[in-house]
Every structure is written in structure tokens, then in C-alpha cells.
Amino acid sequence: MLSGKDNSGFGWDEYRQMVVAECAMWNSYISSHKAVGQFRHSNFPYCDQLTSIYAKD
């Protein structure tokens, strides 16, 4: 969602540790990616740690 093509409009809220976007952007994305809807209001508290472990250089 945050990487790849067609991701404009999404961002990362460092304080809340979650993906953020306008409602219209979320609705549009979820309409074509149904499984992502569960993450709309979820935070990812270990994102930084997991990124440092699994990110490709």
C-alpha cells in the first residue's frame, strides 16, 4: 500500500504508528483490495523494528 504504484494519498503517521489517508482514498483502495479493510483503523507498533529486519537495501 505504501510502496508500489498507485499509492499516492497514503502516508504514515509516526505518532500513531498507522497508515493514514483521506476517507475517499481508503474507500477506493478497499473496494479493489477487500482484505486491506481490516487494517484501516489498526496501528502497527512494531513496524520500525520489522522494517529494519526485513527491508531490502
N, C-alpha and C. Protein backbone atom coordinates (compact mmCIF):
# COMPACT_ATOMS: atom_id res chain seq x y z
N MET A 1 0.83 -1.19 0.00
CA MET A 1 0.00 0.00 0.00
C MET A 1 0.88 1.25 0.00
N LEU A 2 1.90 1.27 0.85
CA LEU A 2 2.77 2.43 0.90
C LEU A 2 3.88 2.35 -0.13
N SER A 3 4.10 1.18 -0.70
CA SER A 3 5.10 1.05 -1.74
C SER A 3 4.42 0.52 -3.00
N GLY A 4 5.08 0.69 -4.10
CA GLY A 4 4.49 0.23 -5.35
C GLY A 4 3.78 1.36 -6.07
N LYS A 5 3.10 1.00 -7.15
CA LYS A 5 2.42 2.03 -7.94
C LYS A 5 1.05 2.36 -7.36
N ASP A 6 0.53 3.49 -7.72
CA ASP A 6 -0.81 3.93 -7.32
C ASP A 6 -0.97 4.05 -5.80
N ASN A 7 0.04 4.58 -5.13
CA ASN A 7 -0.05 4.69 -3.68
C ASN A 7 -0.17 6.14 -3.22
N SER A 8 -0.28 7.09 -4.14
CA SER A 8 -0.39 8.48 -3.73
C SER A 8 -1.64 8.68 -2.89
N GLY A 9 -1.53 9.50 -1.88
CA GLY A 9 -2.65 9.73 -1.00
C GLY A 9 -2.52 8.99 0.32
N PHE A 10 -1.63 8.02 0.39
CA PHE A 10 -1.39 7.29 1.63
C PHE A 10 -0.12 7.80 2.28
N GLY A 11 -0.10 7.74 3.59
CA GLY A 11 1.09 8.15 4.32
C GLY A 11 1.22 7.35 5.60
N TRP A 12 2.20 7.72 6.40
CA TRP A 12 2.47 7.02 7.65
C TRP A 12 2.44 8.03 8.78
N ASP A 13 1.64 7.76 9.80
CA ASP A 13 1.57 8.60 11.00
C ASP A 13 2.53 8.00 12.02
N GLU A 14 3.65 8.64 12.21
CA GLU A 14 4.69 8.13 13.10
C GLU A 14 4.21 8.04 14.55
N TYR A 15 3.44 9.01 14.98
CA TYR A 15 2.95 9.04 16.36
C TYR A 15 1.99 7.88 16.65
N ARG A 16 1.02 7.70 15.75
CA ARG A 16 0.02 6.63 15.95
C ARG A 16 0.46 5.29 15.38
N GLN A 17 1.57 5.28 14.64
CA GLN A 17 2.10 4.06 14.03
C GLN A 17 1.06 3.38 13.15
N MET A 18 0.49 4.16 12.22
CA MET A 18 -0.52 3.59 11.34
C MET A 18 -0.53 4.28 9.98
N VAL A 19 -1.07 3.58 9.01
CA VAL A 19 -1.24 4.12 7.67
C VAL A 19 -2.40 5.10 7.71
N VAL A 20 -2.22 6.25 7.06
CA VAL A 20 -3.26 7.27 7.05
C VAL A 20 -3.57 7.69 5.62
N ALA A 21 -4.82 8.08 5.40
CA ALA A 21 -5.28 8.57 4.10
C ALA A 21 -6.65 9.19 4.29
N GLU A 22 -7.06 9.97 3.33
CA GLU A 22 -8.41 10.52 3.34
C GLU A 22 -9.42 9.38 3.17
N CYS A 23 -10.62 9.58 3.68
CA CYS A 23 -11.66 8.54 3.61
C CYS A 23 -11.92 8.08 2.18
N ALA A 24 -11.97 9.02 1.25
CA ALA A 24 -12.23 8.65 -0.15
C ALA A 24 -11.13 7.75 -0.70
N MET A 25 -9.89 8.02 -0.31
CA MET A 25 -8.77 7.21 -0.77
C MET A 25 -8.86 5.80 -0.20
N TRP A 26 -9.15 5.70 1.11
CA TRP A 26 -9.32 4.39 1.73
C TRP A 26 -10.45 3.62 1.05
N ASN A 27 -11.60 4.26 0.86
CA ASN A 27 -12.75 3.58 0.26
C ASN A 27 -12.43 3.06 -1.13
N SER A 28 -11.74 3.86 -1.90
CA SER A 28 -11.37 3.45 -3.25
C SER A 28 -10.41 2.26 -3.22
N TYR A 29 -9.43 2.32 -2.36
CA TYR A 29 -8.44 1.24 -2.27
C TYR A 29 -9.09 -0.05 -1.76
N ILE A 30 -9.92 0.07 -0.74
CA ILE A 30 -10.57 -1.11 -0.16
C ILE A 30 -11.54 -1.75 -1.15
N SER A 31 -12.15 -0.95 -2.01
CA SER A 31 -13.09 -1.52 -2.98
C SER A 31 -12.40 -2.50 -3.93
N SER A 32 -11.12 -2.30 -4.18
CA SER A 32 -10.40 -3.23 -5.06
C SER A 32 -9.43 -4.14 -4.32
N HIS A 33 -9.27 -3.94 -3.01
CA HIS A 33 -8.40 -4.78 -2.18
C HIS A 33 -9.13 -5.07 -0.87
N LYS A 34 -10.14 -5.92 -0.94
CA LYS A 34 -11.05 -6.17 0.19
C LYS A 34 -10.35 -6.55 1.50
N ALA A 35 -9.31 -7.35 1.43
CA ALA A 35 -8.64 -7.83 2.65
C ALA A 35 -7.96 -6.72 3.44
N VAL A 36 -7.70 -5.60 2.80
CA VAL A 36 -7.00 -4.49 3.46
C VAL A 36 -7.90 -3.73 4.42
N GLY A 37 -9.20 -3.83 4.25
CA GLY A 37 -10.14 -3.08 5.08
C GLY A 37 -9.94 -3.27 6.57
N GLN A 38 -9.50 -4.44 6.98
CA GLN A 38 -9.30 -4.71 8.41
C GLN A 38 -8.18 -3.86 9.02
N PHE A 39 -7.32 -3.30 8.19
CA PHE A 39 -6.19 -2.52 8.69
C PHE A 39 -6.44 -1.02 8.70
N ARG A 40 -7.59 -0.61 8.25
CA ARG A 40 -7.87 0.83 8.12
C ARG A 40 -7.70 1.58 9.44
N HIS A 41 -8.12 1.01 10.54
CA HIS A 41 -8.04 1.68 11.83
C HIS A 41 -7.07 0.98 12.79
N SER A 42 -6.18 0.18 12.24
CA SER A 42 -5.23 -0.57 13.06
C SER A 42 -3.87 0.11 13.09
N ASN A 43 -3.22 0.02 14.23
CA ASN A 43 -1.85 0.52 14.28
C ASN A 43 -0.89 -0.66 14.21
N PHE A 44 0.37 -0.34 13.91
CA PHE A 44 1.42 -1.34 13.74
C PHE A 44 2.60 -0.93 14.63
N PRO A 45 2.52 -1.22 15.93
CA PRO A 45 3.52 -0.71 16.86
C PRO A 45 4.94 -1.23 16.63
N TYR A 46 5.11 -2.33 15.94
CA TYR A 46 6.45 -2.87 15.71
C TYR A 46 6.93 -2.67 14.27
N CYS A 47 6.32 -1.75 13.57
CA CYS A 47 6.65 -1.53 12.16
C CYS A 47 8.12 -1.17 11.99
N ASP A 48 8.65 -0.26 12.80
CA ASP A 48 10.05 0.15 12.66
C ASP A 48 11.00 -1.03 12.86
N GLN A 49 10.74 -1.83 13.87
CA GLN A 49 11.60 -2.97 14.14
C GLN A 49 11.53 -4.00 13.01
N LEU A 50 10.32 -4.28 12.54
CA LEU A 50 10.16 -5.25 11.45
C LEU A 50 10.77 -4.74 10.16
N THR A 51 10.66 -3.45 9.92
CA THR A 51 11.26 -2.87 8.72
C THR A 51 12.77 -3.02 8.75
N SER A 52 13.38 -2.77 9.90
CA SER A 52 14.84 -2.90 9.99
C SER A 52 15.28 -4.36 9.80
N ILE A 53 14.44 -5.31 10.13
CA ILE A 53 14.78 -6.72 9.97
C ILE A 53 14.56 -7.18 8.53
N TYR A 54 13.41 -6.81 7.93
CA TYR A 54 13.01 -7.38 6.65
C TYR A 54 13.18 -6.48 5.44
N ALA A 55 13.51 -5.22 5.63
CA ALA A 55 13.61 -4.30 4.48
C ALA A 55 14.78 -4.69 3.58
N LYS A 56 14.57 -4.52 2.30
CA LYS A 56 15.63 -4.77 1.33
C LYS A 56 16.42 -3.48 1.16
N ASP A 57 17.73 -3.60 1.14
CA ASP A 57 18.59 -2.42 0.95
C ASP A 57 18.65 -2.01 -0.49
